[in-house]
Amino acid sequence: MARILVIDDSPLQSLCMSRILQTLSHDVLCHADSQQALQVVNRQQVDLVLVELLMQTGNGFETGLLLREAGYSTVVLLTGVYRETDEIWARALGLAGVITRPQAPERLQTRINSILMKQGTCR
């Protein structure tokens, strides 16, 4: 089980991702605002941050970069449309990658486990 922070300004997308992650036995925190999410990461231990790539205020690349600058490394972008260039840019910024939604829960769990093991944060 991991503590996962989901940053997404869409309440529906946050709810869906949260429920899927909870069924996989993860502890989930959700925030719509990147600045509030940064404060959460500074106050609480979070194993993984999932950030929506396209938001009304800013984007996942900007938020991911802010998290990296704050010393936090396990950040993954979420998107509904996979583009190889997103993965390239995410890696170039030091992010852990991109997850395309929707994904079957089992496949999502496999991807999360892989990312956490690479980052050395798997509990």
Protein backbone atom coordinates (compact mmCIF):
# COMPACT_ATOMS: atom_id res chain seq x y z
CA MET A 1 0.00 0.00 0.00
CA ALA A 2 1.25 3.45 -0.90
CA ARG A 3 0.14 6.94 0.02
CA ILE A 4 -0.72 8.59 -3.28
CA LEU A 5 -1.51 12.23 -3.91
CA VAL A 6 -3.70 12.93 -6.94
CA ILE A 7 -3.60 16.47 -8.33
CA ASP A 8 -6.42 17.08 -10.78
CA ASP A 9 -8.78 20.02 -11.17
CA SER A 10 -11.57 17.77 -12.45
CA PRO A 11 -13.65 16.52 -9.49
CA LEU A 12 -14.95 13.60 -11.57
CA GLN A 13 -11.48 12.47 -12.68
CA SER A 14 -10.17 12.81 -9.11
CA LEU A 15 -13.06 10.78 -7.75
CA CYS A 16 -12.62 8.03 -10.34
CA MET A 17 -8.86 7.77 -9.82
CA SER A 18 -9.27 7.90 -6.06
CA ARG A 19 -11.80 5.07 -6.04
CA ILE A 20 -9.65 2.88 -8.29
CA LEU A 21 -6.59 3.47 -6.13
CA GLN A 22 -8.56 2.80 -2.93
CA THR A 23 -9.81 -0.52 -4.32
CA LEU A 24 -6.12 -1.34 -4.83
CA SER A 25 -5.62 -0.65 -1.08
CA HIS A 26 -3.79 2.65 -1.46
CA ASP A 27 -4.20 5.64 0.85
CA VAL A 28 -5.30 8.48 -1.45
CA LEU A 29 -5.24 12.25 -1.03
CA CYS A 30 -6.77 14.50 -3.72
CA HIS A 31 -6.22 18.18 -4.46
CA ALA A 32 -7.40 20.35 -7.32
CA ASP A 33 -4.85 23.10 -6.70
CA SER A 34 -1.14 22.60 -7.32
CA GLN A 35 -0.05 25.03 -4.61
CA GLN A 36 -2.16 23.28 -1.96
CA ALA A 37 -0.78 19.95 -3.13
CA LEU A 38 2.78 21.23 -2.71
CA GLN A 39 1.96 22.12 0.88
CA VAL A 40 0.59 18.60 1.46
CA VAL A 41 3.79 17.03 0.14
CA ASN A 42 5.81 19.23 2.49
CA ARG A 43 3.67 18.24 5.53
CA GLN A 44 2.98 14.56 4.90
CA GLN A 45 4.91 11.62 3.57
CA VAL A 46 3.62 10.80 0.11
CA ASP A 47 4.98 7.85 -1.87
CA LEU A 48 3.72 8.94 -5.28
CA VAL A 49 2.16 12.02 -6.86
CA LEU A 50 -0.13 11.64 -9.88
CA VAL A 51 -0.59 14.97 -11.67
CA GLU A 52 -3.10 15.66 -14.44
CA LEU A 53 -1.20 16.89 -17.47
CA LEU A 54 -3.79 19.45 -18.59
CA MET A 55 -5.48 21.61 -15.97
CA GLN A 56 -7.31 24.94 -16.07
CA THR A 57 -4.59 26.63 -14.04
CA GLY A 58 -1.17 25.44 -15.16
CA ASN A 59 -0.24 21.97 -16.27
CA GLY A 60 1.35 18.78 -15.04
CA PHE A 61 4.77 19.67 -16.40
CA GLU A 62 4.85 22.90 -14.37
CA THR A 63 3.59 21.18 -11.22
CA GLY A 64 5.99 18.28 -11.70
CA LEU A 65 8.89 20.67 -12.10
CA LEU A 66 7.88 22.54 -8.92
CA LEU A 67 7.78 19.23 -7.06
CA ARG A 68 11.20 18.25 -8.43
CA GLU A 69 12.64 21.63 -7.38
CA ALA A 70 11.21 21.03 -3.90
CA GLY A 71 13.18 17.77 -3.76
CA TYR A 72 10.33 15.39 -4.47
CA SER A 73 11.08 12.83 -7.19
CA THR A 74 8.22 10.37 -7.57
CA VAL A 75 5.89 12.31 -9.85
CA VAL A 76 3.86 10.79 -12.68
CA LEU A 77 1.71 12.66 -15.18
CA LEU A 78 -1.85 11.55 -15.93
CA THR A 79 -3.42 12.06 -19.33
CA GLY A 80 -6.39 10.86 -21.33
CA VAL A 81 -4.42 10.96 -24.59
CA TYR A 82 -1.00 9.36 -24.79
CA ARG A 83 1.62 11.19 -26.82
CA GLU A 84 5.17 9.94 -26.96
CA THR A 85 6.44 13.51 -26.67
CA ASP A 86 4.75 13.82 -23.24
CA GLU A 87 6.77 10.83 -22.02
CA ILE A 88 9.98 12.32 -23.46
CA TRP A 89 9.37 15.71 -21.80
CA ALA A 90 8.39 14.09 -18.51
CA ARG A 91 11.63 12.11 -18.41
CA ALA A 92 13.66 15.17 -19.44
CA LEU A 93 12.21 17.03 -16.43
CA GLY A 94 13.11 14.16 -14.11
CA LEU A 95 9.55 12.88 -13.67
CA ALA A 96 8.82 9.16 -13.36
CA GLY A 97 6.71 9.00 -16.53
CA VAL A 98 3.18 9.23 -17.88
CA ILE A 99 0.12 7.08 -17.18
CA THR A 100 -2.70 7.14 -19.69
CA ARG A 101 -6.27 6.93 -18.40
CA PRO A 102 -8.32 4.85 -18.26
CA GLN A 103 -6.39 1.74 -17.31
CA ALA A 104 -7.56 -1.53 -15.86
CA PRO A 105 -6.87 -1.52 -12.10
CA GLU A 106 -4.47 -4.46 -12.37
CA ARG A 107 -2.42 -2.72 -15.04
CA LEU A 108 -2.42 0.51 -13.05
CA GLN A 109 -1.19 -1.38 -9.96
CA THR A 110 1.59 -3.00 -11.97
CA ARG A 111 2.71 0.40 -13.26
CA ILE A 112 2.59 1.97 -9.79
CA ASN A 113 4.61 -0.90 -8.31
CA SER A 114 7.19 -0.58 -11.08
CA ILE A 115 7.57 3.18 -10.53
CA LEU A 116 7.82 2.86 -6.77
CA MET A 117 10.41 0.08 -7.01
CA LYS A 118 12.54 2.14 -9.41
CA GLN A 119 12.34 5.11 -7.04
CA GLY A 120 13.07 2.92 -4.01
CA THR A 121 9.88 4.00 -2.24
CA CYS A 122 7.92 0.73 -2.38
CA ARG A 123 6.67 -0.25 1.07
